[in-house]
C-alpha cells in the first residue's frame, strides 16, 4: 500500500494579506463621513490603536527608551498619523530606505 502525503500549503504572502486589509480600511475611511456604522468601526479601530501606542509609550518611559515628556496621548497620535502617512507613501512606491528614514525621525521625536 502506497501512502500519499499531502504537501503543506505555503503561508500566504504578506502582500496577499495586506491588500484586502488596505481595501477594507480605505473603504471604511471613505464611508465614515456618510455611514454611522463605518464611522463607529473607524473610531473603535483608532481608539484601540491609540491605546496600544499610549501603553507602549508609557512602557518606554518606564524603561528609559522614550524620553518625551509630553502627555502620552500626543505622541501616540503623532505615531498613528505617521504610520498612516507611511502606508500611503508605501503604496505610492516609497522604498524601504525612505520608510526607515521616516521611522528614524519618529524615534528621534520620542527620544528628544
PDB file of N, CA and C in Angstrom:
ATOM      1  N   UNK A   1       0.846  -1.166   0.000  1.00  0.00           N
ATOM      2  CA  UNK A   1       0.000   0.000   0.000  1.00  0.00           C
ATOM      3  C   UNK A   1       0.895   1.234   0.000  1.00  0.00           C
ATOM      4  N   UNK A   2       0.608   2.133  -0.877  1.00  0.00           N
ATOM      5  CA  UNK A   2       1.390   3.340  -1.017  1.00  0.00           C
ATOM      6  C   UNK A   2       0.704   4.460  -0.260  1.00  0.00           C
ATOM      7  N   UNK A   3       1.498   5.181   0.518  1.00  0.00           N
ATOM      8  CA  UNK A   3       0.894   6.310   1.213  1.00  0.00           C
ATOM      9  C   UNK A   3       1.234   7.588   0.461  1.00  0.00           C
ATOM     10  N   UNK A   4       0.296   8.453   0.454  1.00  0.00           N
ATOM     11  CA  UNK A   4       0.464   9.734  -0.213  1.00  0.00           C
ATOM     12  C   UNK A   4       0.422  10.811   0.855  1.00  0.00           C
ATOM     13  N   UNK A   5       1.439  11.635   0.863  1.00  0.00           N
ATOM     14  CA  UNK A   5       1.491  12.723   1.825  1.00  0.00           C
ATOM     15  C   UNK A   5       1.131  14.011   1.107  1.00  0.00           C
ATOM     16  N   UNK A   6       0.153  14.671   1.641  1.00  0.00           N
ATOM     17  CA  UNK A   6      -0.260  15.955   1.040  1.00  0.00           C
ATOM     18  C   UNK A   6       0.783  17.012   1.373  1.00  0.00           C
ATOM     19  N   UNK A   7       1.089  17.800   0.404  1.00  0.00           N
ATOM     20  CA  UNK A   7       2.033  18.900   0.624  1.00  0.00           C
ATOM     21  C   UNK A   7       1.389  19.938   1.530  1.00  0.00           C
ATOM     22  N   UNK A   8       2.193  20.464   2.428  1.00  0.00           N
ATOM     23  CA  UNK A   8       1.689  21.519   3.305  1.00  0.00           C
ATOM     24  C   UNK A   8       1.484  22.782   2.483  1.00  0.00           C
ATOM     25  N   UNK A   9       0.344  23.427   2.669  1.00  0.00           N
ATOM     26  CA  UNK A   9       0.147  24.686   1.926  1.00  0.00           C
ATOM     27  C   UNK A   9       1.113  25.744   2.438  1.00  0.00           C
ATOM     28  N   UNK A  10       1.628  26.517   1.528  1.00  0.00           N
ATOM     29  CA  UNK A  10       2.534  27.577   1.952  1.00  0.00           C
ATOM     30  C   UNK A  10       1.717  28.708   2.561  1.00  0.00           C
ATOM     31  N   UNK A  11       2.291  29.395   3.548  1.00  0.00           N
ATOM     32  CA  UNK A  11       1.551  30.503   4.178  1.00  0.00           C
ATOM     33  C   UNK A  11       1.333  31.618   3.160  1.00  0.00           C
ATOM     34  N   UNK A  12       0.256  32.370   3.328  1.00  0.00           N
ATOM     35  CA  UNK A  12       0.014  33.467   2.387  1.00  0.00           C
ATOM     36  C   UNK A  12       1.113  34.515   2.481  1.00  0.00           C
ATOM     37  N   UNK A  13       1.428  35.103   1.363  1.00  0.00           N
ATOM     38  CA  UNK A  13       2.413  36.181   1.341  1.00  0.00           C
ATOM     39  C   UNK A  13       1.832  37.402   2.048  1.00  0.00           C
ATOM     40  N   UNK A  14       2.677  38.187   2.711  1.00  0.00           N
ATOM     41  CA  UNK A  14       2.172  39.384   3.394  1.00  0.00           C
ATOM     42  C   UNK A  14       1.384  40.293   2.467  1.00  0.00           C
ATOM     43  N   UNK A  15       1.811  40.428   1.214  1.00  0.00           N
ATOM     44  CA  UNK A  15       1.091  41.325   0.305  1.00  0.00           C
ATOM     45  C   UNK A  15      -0.309  40.796   0.013  1.00  0.00           C
ATOM     46  N   UNK A  16      -0.462  39.466   0.007  1.00  0.00           N
ATOM     47  CA  UNK A  16      -1.783  38.883  -0.231  1.00  0.00           C
ATOM     48  C   UNK A  16      -2.707  39.140   0.943  1.00  0.00           C
ATOM     49  N   UNK A  17      -2.138  39.252   2.127  1.00  0.00           N
ATOM     50  CA  UNK A  17      -2.932  39.549   3.317  1.00  0.00           C
ATOM     51  C   UNK A  17      -3.213  41.045   3.390  1.00  0.00           C
ATOM     52  N   UNK A  18      -2.221  41.844   3.091  1.00  0.00           N
ATOM     53  CA  UNK A  18      -2.335  43.296   3.258  1.00  0.00           C
ATOM     54  C   UNK A  18      -3.332  43.912   2.293  1.00  0.00           C
ATOM     55  N   UNK A  19      -3.413  43.397   1.073  1.00  0.00           N
ATOM     56  CA  UNK A  19      -4.312  44.010   0.083  1.00  0.00           C
ATOM     57  C   UNK A  19      -5.758  44.092   0.553  1.00  0.00           C
ATOM     58  N   UNK A  20      -6.360  42.986   1.033  1.00  0.00           N
ATOM     59  CA  UNK A  20      -7.755  43.110   1.500  1.00  0.00           C
ATOM     60  C   UNK A  20      -7.898  44.019   2.708  1.00  0.00           C
ATOM     61  N   UNK A  21      -6.893  44.015   3.594  1.00  0.00           N
ATOM     62  CA  UNK A  21      -6.959  44.887   4.767  1.00  0.00           C
ATOM     63  C   UNK A  21      -6.914  46.339   4.322  1.00  0.00           C
ATOM     64  N   UNK A  22      -6.007  46.682   3.392  1.00  0.00           N
ATOM     65  CA  UNK A  22      -5.920  48.062   2.898  1.00  0.00           C
ATOM     66  C   UNK A  22      -7.220  48.465   2.233  1.00  0.00           C
ATOM     67  N   UNK A  23      -7.792  47.571   1.441  1.00  0.00           N
ATOM     68  CA  UNK A  23      -9.042  47.895   0.748  1.00  0.00           C
ATOM     69  C   UNK A  23     -10.162  48.122   1.748  1.00  0.00           C
ATOM     70  N   UNK A  24     -10.232  47.270   2.758  1.00  0.00           N
ATOM     71  CA  UNK A  24     -11.273  47.416   3.778  1.00  0.00           C
ATOM     72  C   UNK A  24     -11.065  48.705   4.559  1.00  0.00           C
ATOM     73  N   UNK A  25      -9.828  49.002   4.905  1.00  0.00           N
ATOM     74  CA  UNK A  25      -9.525  50.233   5.638  1.00  0.00           C
ATOM     75  C   UNK A  25      -9.879  51.451   4.808  1.00  0.00           C
ATOM     76  N   UNK A  26      -9.476  51.453   3.538  1.00  0.00           N
ATOM     77  CA  UNK A  26      -9.776  52.589   2.665  1.00  0.00           C
ATOM     78  C   UNK A  26     -11.280  52.778   2.530  1.00  0.00           C
ATOM     79  N   UNK A  27     -12.005  51.688   2.377  1.00  0.00           N
ATOM     80  CA  UNK A  27     -13.461  51.787   2.237  1.00  0.00           C
ATOM     81  C   UNK A  27     -14.093  52.328   3.515  1.00  0.00           C
ATOM     82  N   UNK A  28     -13.608  51.864   4.666  1.00  0.00           N
ATOM     83  CA  UNK A  28     -14.148  52.331   5.945  1.00  0.00           C
ATOM     84  C   UNK A  28     -13.911  53.819   6.122  1.00  0.00           C
ATOM     85  N   UNK A  29     -12.695  54.256   5.837  1.00  0.00           N
ATOM     86  CA  UNK A  29     -12.369  55.679   5.964  1.00  0.00           C
ATOM     87  C   UNK A  29     -13.225  56.500   5.009  1.00  0.00           C
ATOM     88  N   UNK A  30     -13.372  56.018   3.788  1.00  0.00           N
ATOM     89  CA  UNK A  30     -14.151  56.731   2.777  1.00  0.00           C
ATOM     90  C   UNK A  30     -15.617  56.854   3.196  1.00  0.00           C
ATOM     91  N   UNK A  31     -16.158  55.806   3.785  1.00  0.00           N
ATOM     92  CA  UNK A  31     -17.574  55.800   4.159  1.00  0.00           C
ATOM     93  C   UNK A  31     -17.861  56.471   5.497  1.00  0.00           C
ATOM     94  N   UNK A  32     -16.847  56.632   6.334  1.00  0.00           N
ATOM     95  CA  UNK A  32     -17.056  57.095   7.702  1.00  0.00           C
ATOM     96  C   UNK A  32     -17.815  58.413   7.780  1.00  0.00           C
ATOM     97  N   UNK A  33     -17.614  59.302   6.830  1.00  0.00           N
ATOM     98  CA  UNK A  33     -18.301  60.582   6.853  1.00  0.00           C
ATOM     99  C   UNK A  33     -19.780  60.486   6.505  1.00  0.00           C
ATOM    100  N   UNK A  34     -20.175  59.361   5.900  1.00  0.00           N
ATOM    101  CA  UNK A  34     -21.571  59.208   5.454  1.00  0.00           C
ATOM    102  C   UNK A  34     -22.309  58.049   6.107  1.00  0.00           C
ATOM    103  N   UNK A  35     -21.577  57.200   6.803  1.00  0.00           N
ATOM    104  CA  UNK A  35     -22.187  55.978   7.316  1.00  0.00           C
ATOM    105  C   UNK A  35     -21.820  55.818   8.791  1.00  0.00           C
ATOM    106  N   UNK A  36     -22.828  55.817   9.649  1.00  0.00           N
ATOM    107  CA  UNK A  36     -22.587  55.749  11.096  1.00  0.00           C
ATOM    108  C   UNK A  36     -21.897  54.445  11.491  1.00  0.00           C
ATOM    109  N   UNK A  37     -22.242  53.349  10.836  1.00  0.00           N
ATOM    110  CA  UNK A  37     -21.612  52.071  11.167  1.00  0.00           C
ATOM    111  C   UNK A  37     -20.123  52.103  10.823  1.00  0.00           C
ATOM    112  N   UNK A  38     -19.795  52.605   9.650  1.00  0.00           N
ATOM    113  CA  UNK A  38     -18.386  52.711   9.246  1.00  0.00           C
ATOM    114  C   UNK A  38     -17.637  53.667  10.171  1.00  0.00           C
ATOM    115  N   UNK A  39     -18.284  54.762  10.537  1.00  0.00           N
ATOM    116  CA  UNK A  39     -17.655  55.718  11.453  1.00  0.00           C
ATOM    117  C   UNK A  39     -17.370  55.065  12.796  1.00  0.00           C
ATOM    118  N   UNK A  40     -18.290  54.257  13.282  1.00  0.00           N
ATOM    119  CA  UNK A  40     -18.091  53.547  14.543  1.00  0.00           C
ATOM    120  C   UNK A  40     -16.943  52.565  14.470  1.00  0.00           C
ATOM    121  N   UNK A  41     -16.857  51.842  13.350  1.00  0.00           N
ATOM    122  CA  UNK A  41     -15.758  50.899  13.160  1.00  0.00           C
ATOM    123  C   UNK A  41     -14.417  51.629  13.157  1.00  0.00           C
ATOM    124  N   UNK A  42     -14.365  52.734  12.445  1.00  0.00           N
ATOM    125  CA  UNK A  42     -13.133  53.509  12.358  1.00  0.00           C
ATOM    126  C   UNK A  42     -12.758  54.064  13.736  1.00  0.00           C
ATOM    127  N   UNK A  43     -13.740  54.558  14.460  1.00  0.00           N
ATOM    128  CA  UNK A  43     -13.485  55.112  15.791  1.00  0.00           C
ATOM    129  C   UNK A  43     -12.972  54.040  16.746  1.00  0.00           C
ATOM    130  N   UNK A  44     -13.581  52.849  16.726  1.00  0.00           N
ATOM    131  CA  UNK A  44     -13.120  51.754  17.590  1.00  0.00           C
ATOM    132  C   UNK A  44     -11.705  51.324  17.226  1.00  0.00           C
ATOM    133  N   UNK A  45     -11.430  51.211  15.928  1.00  0.00           N
ATOM    134  CA  UNK A  45     -10.100  50.816  15.479  1.00  0.00           C
ATOM    135  C   UNK A  45      -9.057  51.848  15.915  1.00  0.00           C
ATOM    136  N   UNK A  46      -9.368  53.111  15.717  1.00  0.00           N
ATOM    137  CA  UNK A  46      -8.434  54.178  16.103  1.00  0.00           C
ATOM    138  C   UNK A  46      -8.227  54.191  17.612  1.00  0.00           C
ATOM    139  N   UNK A  47      -9.288  54.025  18.373  1.00  0.00           N
ATOM    140  CA  UNK A  47      -9.181  54.016  19.842  1.00  0.00           C
ATOM    141  C   UNK A  47      -8.290  52.881  20.322  1.00  0.00           C
ATOM    142  N   UNK A  48      -8.453  51.685  19.737  1.00  0.00           N
ATOM    143  CA  UNK A  48      -7.612  50.548  20.126  1.00  0.00           C
ATOM    144  C   UNK A  48      -6.151  50.800  19.770  1.00  0.00           C
ATOM    145  N   UNK A  49      -5.927  51.331  18.579  1.00  0.00           N
ATOM    146  CA  UNK A  49      -4.555  51.609  18.150  1.00  0.00           C
ATOM    147  C   UNK A  49      -3.904  52.651  19.048  1.00  0.00           C
ATOM    148  N   UNK A  50      -4.633  53.730  19.352  1.00  0.00           N
ATOM    149  CA  UNK A  50      -4.081  54.783  20.208  1.00  0.00           C
ATOM    150  C   UNK A  50      -3.819  54.269  21.626  1.00  0.00           C
ATOM    151  N   UNK A  51      -4.699  53.421  22.133  1.00  0.00           N
ATOM    152  CA  UNK A  51      -4.483  52.854  23.472  1.00  0.00           C
ATOM    153  C   UNK A  51      -3.216  52.000  23.492  1.00  0.00           C
ATOM    154  N   UNK A  52      -3.007  51.210  22.452  1.00  0.00           N
ATOM    155  CA  UNK A  52      -1.799  50.379  22.375  1.00  0.00           C
ATOM    156  C   UNK A  52      -0.552  51.249  22.265  1.00  0.00           C
ATOM    157  N   UNK A  53      -0.624  52.297  21.471  1.00  0.00           N
ATOM    158  CA  UNK A  53       0.526  53.198  21.329  1.00  0.00           C
ATOM    159  C   UNK A  53       0.812  53.933  22.636  1.00  0.00           C
ATOM    160  N   UNK A  54      -0.243  54.412  23.311  1.00  0.00           N
ATOM    161  CA  UNK A  54      -0.045  55.073  24.608  1.00  0.00           C
ATOM    162  C   UNK A  54       0.622  54.126  25.604  1.00  0.00           C
ATOM    163  N   UNK A  55       0.160  52.884  25.638  1.00  0.00           N
ATOM    164  CA  UNK A  55       0.748  51.898  26.558  1.00  0.00           C
ATOM    165  C   UNK A  55       2.220  51.661  26.221  1.00  0.00           C
ATOM    166  N   UNK A  56       2.543  51.564  24.948  1.00  0.00           N
ATOM    167  CA  UNK A  56       3.940  51.357  24.546  1.00  0.00           C
ATOM    168  C   UNK A  56       4.801  52.564  24.918  1.00  0.00           C
ATOM    169  N   UNK A  57       4.252  53.752  24.739  1.00  0.00           N
ATOM    170  CA  UNK A  57       4.988  54.977  25.094  1.00  0.00           C
ATOM    171  C   UNK A  57       5.210  55.038  26.602  1.00  0.00           C
ATOM    172  N   UNK A  58       4.190  54.717  27.370  1.00  0.00           N
ATOM    173  CA  UNK A  58       4.326  54.724  28.830  1.00  0.00           C
ATOM    174  C   UNK A  58       5.345  53.682  29.289  1.00  0.00           C
ATOM    175  N   UNK A  59       5.337  52.501  28.671  1.00  0.00           N
ATOM    176  CA  UNK A  59       6.320  51.473  28.998  1.00  0.00           C
ATOM    177  C   UNK A  59       7.723  51.960  28.634  1.00  0.00           C
ATOM    178  N   UNK A  60       7.844  52.607  27.477  1.00  0.00           N
ATOM    179  CA  UNK A  60       9.128  53.163  27.076  1.00  0.00           C
ATOM    180  C   UNK A  60       9.644  54.205  28.048  1.00  0.00           C
ATOM    181  N   UNK A  61       8.747  54.979  28.607  1.00  0.00           N
ATOM    182  CA  UNK A  61       9.157  55.952  29.626  1.00  0.00           C
ATOM    183  C   UNK A  61       9.680  55.249  30.872  1.00  0.00           C
ATOM    184  N   UNK A  62       8.989  54.184  31.266  1.00  0.00           N
ATOM    185  CA  UNK A  62       9.417  53.449  32.462  1.00  0.00           C
ATOM    186  C   UNK A  62      10.785  52.801  32.262  1.00  0.00           C
ATOM    187  N   UNK A  63      11.043  52.281  31.043  1.00  0.00           N
ATOM    188  CA  UNK A  63      12.341  51.615  30.836  1.00  0.00           C
ATOM    189  C   UNK A  63      13.423  52.575  30.323  1.00  0.00           C
ATOM    190  N   UNK A  64      13.049  53.855  30.102  1.00  0.00           N
ATOM    191  CA  UNK A  64      14.024  54.860  29.709  1.00  0.00           C
ATOM    192  C   UNK A  64      14.270  54.984  28.213  1.00  0.00           C
ATOM    193  N   UNK A  65      13.589  54.170  27.399  1.00  0.00           N
ATOM    194  CA  UNK A  65      13.829  54.237  25.946  1.00  0.00           C
ATOM    195  C   UNK A  65      13.081  55.387  25.278  1.00  0.00           C
ATOM    196  N   UNK A  66      12.087  55.943  25.960  1.00  0.00           N
ATOM    197  CA  UNK A  66      11.359  57.106  25.447  1.00  0.00           C
ATOM    198  C   UNK A  66      11.494  58.222  26.470  1.00  0.00           C
ATOM    199  N   UNK A  67      12.003  59.362  26.016  1.00  0.00           N
ATOM    200  CA  UNK A  67      12.275  60.462  26.939  1.00  0.00           C
ATOM    201  C   UNK A  67      11.339  61.648  26.768  1.00  0.00           C
ATOM    202  N   UNK A  68      10.452  61.596  25.807  1.00  0.00           N
ATOM    203  CA  UNK A  68       9.499  62.681  25.611  1.00  0.00           C
ATOM    204  C   UNK A  68       8.690  62.885  26.891  1.00  0.00           C
ATOM    205  N   UNK A  69       8.502  64.145  27.254  1.00  0.00           N
ATOM    206  CA  UNK A  69       7.746  64.443  28.479  1.00  0.00           C
ATOM    207  C   UNK A  69       6.308  64.859  28.191  1.00  0.00           C
ATOM    208  N   UNK A  70       5.919  64.851  26.945  1.00  0.00           N
ATOM    209  CA  UNK A  70       4.534  65.199  26.600  1.00  0.00           C
ATOM    210  C   UNK A  70       3.579  64.138  27.126  1.00  0.00           C
ATOM    211  N   UNK A  71       2.325  64.536  27.311  1.00  0.00           N
ATOM    212  CA  UNK A  71       1.291  63.581  27.650  1.00  0.00           C
ATOM    213  C   UNK A  71       1.349  62.453  26.617  1.00  0.00           C
ATOM    214  N   UNK A  72       1.241  61.201  27.035  1.00  0.00           N
ATOM    215  CA  UNK A  72       1.399  60.053  26.133  1.00  0.00           C
ATOM    216  C   UNK A  72       0.410  60.080  24.966  1.00  0.00           C
ATOM    217  N   UNK A  73      -0.711  60.755  25.117  1.00  0.00           N
ATOM    218  CA  UNK A  73      -1.694  60.811  24.032  1.00  0.00           C
ATOM    219  C   UNK A  73      -1.189  61.558  22.812  1.00  0.00           C
ATOM    220  N   UNK A  74      -0.428  62.634  23.031  1.00  0.00           N
ATOM    221  CA  UNK A  74       0.065  63.427  21.890  1.00  0.00           C
ATOM    222  C   UNK A  74       1.057  62.647  21.036  1.00  0.00           C
ATOM    223  N   UNK A  75       2.094  62.022  21.616  1.00  0.00           N
ATOM    224  CA  UNK A  75       2.982  61.245  20.759  1.00  0.00           C
ATOM    225  C   UNK A  75       2.291  60.018  20.158  1.00  0.00           C
ATOM    226  N   UNK A  76       1.301  59.462  20.855  1.00  0.00           N
ATOM    227  CA  UNK A  76       0.563  58.324  20.291  1.00  0.00           C
ATOM    228  C   UNK A  76      -0.164  58.755  19.017  1.00  0.00           C
ATOM    229  N   UNK A  77      -0.796  59.923  19.058  1.00  0.00           N
ATOM    230  CA  UNK A  77      -1.486  60.424  17.858  1.00  0.00           C
ATOM    231  C   UNK A  77      -0.482  60.734  16.742  1.00  0.00           C
ATOM    232  N   UNK A  78       0.688  61.269  17.114  1.00  0.00           N
ATOM    233  CA  UNK A  78       1.742  61.564  16.141  1.00  0.00           C
ATOM    234  C   UNK A  78       2.211  60.278  15.448  1.00  0.00           C
ATOM    235  N   UNK A  79       2.485  59.243  16.242  1.00  0.00           N
ATOM    236  CA  UNK A  79       2.934  57.968  15.671  1.00  0.00           C
ATOM    237  C   UNK A  79       1.837  57.376  14.796  1.00  0.00           C
ATOM    238  N   UNK A  80       0.605  57.412  15.263  1.00  0.00           N
ATOM    239  CA  UNK A  80      -0.511  56.883  14.481  1.00  0.00           C
ATOM    240  C   UNK A  80      -0.636  57.606  13.136  1.00  0.00           C
ATOM    241  N   UNK A  81      -0.550  58.916  13.151  1.00  0.00           N
ATOM    242  CA  UNK A  81      -0.648  59.692  11.910  1.00  0.00           C
ATOM    243  C   UNK A  81       0.535  59.395  10.991  1.00  0.00           C
ATOM    244  N   UNK A  82       1.712  59.218  11.580  1.00  0.00           N
ATOM    245  CA  UNK A  82       2.890  58.916  10.775  1.00  0.00           C
ATOM    246  C   UNK A  82       2.756  57.547  10.120  1.00  0.00           C
ATOM    247  N   UNK A  83       2.240  56.571  10.855  1.00  0.00           N
ATOM    248  CA  UNK A  83       2.032  55.241  10.277  1.00  0.00           C
ATOM    249  C   UNK A  83       1.081  55.329   9.084  1.00  0.00           C
ATOM    250  N   UNK A  84       0.011  56.119   9.231  1.00  0.00           N
ATOM    251  CA  UNK A  84      -0.912  56.305   8.099  1.00  0.00           C
ATOM    252  C   UNK A  84      -0.203  56.915   6.905  1.00  0.00           C
ATOM    253  N   UNK A  85       0.629  57.908   7.163  1.00  0.00           N
ATOM    254  CA  UNK A  85       1.380  58.530   6.075  1.00  0.00           C
ATOM    255  C   UNK A  85       2.371  57.569   5.448  1.00  0.00           C
ATOM    256  N   UNK A  86       2.973  56.721   6.268  1.00  0.00           N
ATOM    257  CA  UNK A  86       3.910  55.735   5.739  1.00  0.00           C
ATOM    258  C   UNK A  86       3.187  54.713   4.867  1.00  0.00           C
ATOM    259  N   UNK A  87       1.975  54.351   5.244  1.00  0.00           N
ATOM    260  CA  UNK A  87       1.187  53.428   4.410  1.00  0.00           C
ATOM    261  C   UNK A  87       0.933  54.038   3.038  1.00  0.00           C
ATOM    262  N   UNK A  88       0.533  55.294   3.032  1.00  0.00           N
ATOM    263  CA  UNK A  88       0.276  55.979   1.761  1.00  0.00           C
ATOM    264  C   UNK A  88       1.566  56.075   0.947  1.00  0.00           C
ATOM    265  N   UNK A  89       2.660  56.430   1.607  1.00  0.00           N
ATOM    266  CA  UNK A  89       3.948  56.529   0.918  1.00  0.00           C
ATOM    267  C   UNK A  89       4.351  55.186   0.325  1.00  0.00           C
ATOM    268  N   UNK A  90       4.155  54.125   1.084  1.00  0.00           N
ATOM    269  CA  UNK A  90       4.492  52.790   0.618  1.00  0.00           C
ATOM    270  C   UNK A  90       3.658  52.413  -0.603  1.00  0.00           C
ATOM    271  N   UNK A  91       2.377  52.684  -0.537  1.00  0.00           N
ATOM    272  CA  UNK A  91       1.501  52.384  -1.673  1.00  0.00           C
ATOM    273  C   UNK A  91       1.871  53.213  -2.890  1.00  0.00           C
ATOM    274  N   UNK A  92       2.452  54.384  -2.649  1.00  0.00           N
ATOM    275  CA  UNK A  92       2.885  55.243  -3.734  1.00  0.00           C
ATOM    276  C   UNK A  92       4.260  54.885  -4.276  1.00  0.00           C
ATOM    277  N   UNK A  93       4.894  53.863  -3.688  1.00  0.00           N
ATOM    278  CA  UNK A  93       6.155  53.389  -4.215  1.00  0.00           C
ATOM    279  C   UNK A  93       7.392  53.710  -3.402  1.00  0.00           C
ATOM    280  N   UNK A  94       7.225  54.282  -2.204  1.00  0.00           N
ATOM    281  CA  UNK A  94       8.398  54.581  -1.379  1.00  0.00           C
ATOM    282  C   UNK A  94       9.153  53.289  -1.075  1.00  0.00           C
ATOM    283  N   UNK A  95      10.467  53.357  -1.141  1.00  0.00           N
ATOM    284  CA  UNK A  95      11.268  52.170  -0.872  1.00  0.00           C
ATOM    285  C   UNK A  95      11.542  52.018   0.627  1.00  0.00           C
ATOM    286  N   UNK A  96      12.133  50.897   0.976  1.00  0.00           N
ATOM    287  CA  UNK A  96      12.402  50.584   2.380  1.00  0.00           C
ATOM    288  C   UNK A  96      13.261  51.655   3.049  1.00  0.00           C
ATOM    289  N   UNK A  97      14.287  52.118   2.355  1.00  0.00           N
ATOM    290  CA  UNK A  97      15.185  53.124   2.944  1.00  0.00           C
ATOM    291  C   UNK A  97      14.419  54.401   3.299  1.00  0.00           C
ATOM    292  N   UNK A  98      13.501  54.807   2.448  1.00  0.00           N
ATOM    293  CA  UNK A  98      12.696  56.003   2.705  1.00  0.00           C
ATOM    294  C   UNK A  98      11.816  55.799   3.931  1.00  0.00           C
ATOM    295  N   UNK A  99      11.167  54.644   4.011  1.00  0.00           N
ATOM    296  CA  UNK A  99      10.285  54.366   5.147  1.00  0.00           C
ATOM    297  C   UNK A  99      11.082  54.247   6.449  1.00  0.00           C
ATOM    298  N   UNK A 100      12.271  53.664   6.375  1.00  0.00           N
ATOM    299  CA  UNK A 100      13.109  53.579   7.573  1.00  0.00           C
ATOM    300  C   UNK A 100      13.568  54.964   8.019  1.00  0.00           C
ATOM    301  N   UNK A 101      13.842  55.857   7.076  1.00  0.00           N
ATOM    302  CA  UNK A 101      14.240  57.227   7.434  1.00  0.00           C
ATOM    303  C   UNK A 101      13.093  57.951   8.147  1.00  0.00           C
ATOM    304  N   UNK A 102      11.877  57.726   7.689  1.00  0.00           N
ATOM    305  CA  UNK A 102      10.705  58.320   8.349  1.00  0.00           C
ATOM    306  C   UNK A 102      10.594  57.773   9.774  1.00  0.00           C
ATOM    307  N   UNK A 103      10.754  56.461   9.923  1.00  0.00           N
ATOM    308  CA  UNK A 103      10.672  55.837  11.250  1.00  0.00           C
ATOM    309  C   UNK A 103      11.750  56.392  12.187  1.00  0.00           C
ATOM    310  N   UNK A 104      12.935  56.657  11.652  1.00  0.00           N
ATOM    311  CA  UNK A 104      14.004  57.231  12.481  1.00  0.00           C
ATOM    312  C   UNK A 104      13.623  58.614  13.001  1.00  0.00           C
ATOM    313  N   UNK A 105      12.958  59.405  12.178  1.00  0.00           N
ATOM    314  CA  UNK A 105      12.523  60.737  12.616  1.00  0.00           C
ATOM    315  C   UNK A 105      11.505  60.593  13.751  1.00  0.00           C
ATOM    316  N   UNK A 106      10.607  59.635  13.637  1.00  0.00           N
ATOM    317  CA  UNK A 106       9.629  59.400  14.708  1.00  0.00           C
ATOM    318  C   UNK A 106      10.349  59.032  16.000  1.00  0.00           C
ATOM    319  N   UNK A 107      11.312  58.125  15.910  1.00  0.00           N
ATOM    320  CA  UNK A 107      12.058  57.735  17.105  1.00  0.00           C
ATOM    321  C   UNK A 107      12.813  58.915  17.701  1.00  0.00           C
ATOM    322  N   UNK A 108      13.372  59.761  16.834  1.00  0.00           N
ATOM    323  CA  UNK A 108      14.047  60.969  17.333  1.00  0.00           C
ATOM    324  C   UNK A 108      13.064  61.850  18.109  1.00  0.00           C
ATOM    325  N   UNK A 109      11.855  61.989  17.594  1.00  0.00           N
ATOM    326  CA  UNK A 109      10.853  62.830  18.257  1.00  0.00           C
ATOM    327  C   UNK A 109      10.484  62.272  19.629  1.00  0.00           C
ATOM    328  N   UNK A 110      10.523  60.963  19.757  1.00  0.00           N
ATOM    329  CA  UNK A 110      10.148  60.335  21.036  1.00  0.00           C
ATOM    330  C   UNK A 110      11.287  60.332  22.054  1.00  0.00           C
ATOM    331  N   UNK A 111      12.501  60.545  21.571  1.00  0.00           N
ATOM    332  CA  UNK A 111      13.638  60.433  22.481  1.00  0.00           C
ATOM    333  C   UNK A 111      14.379  61.756  22.686  1.00  0.00           C
ATOM    334  N   UNK A 112      13.801  62.827  22.248  1.00  0.00           N
ATOM    335  CA  UNK A 112      14.450  64.138  22.451  1.00  0.00           C
ATOM    336  C   UNK A 112      13.471  65.129  23.051  1.00  0.00           C
TER     337      UNK A 112
END
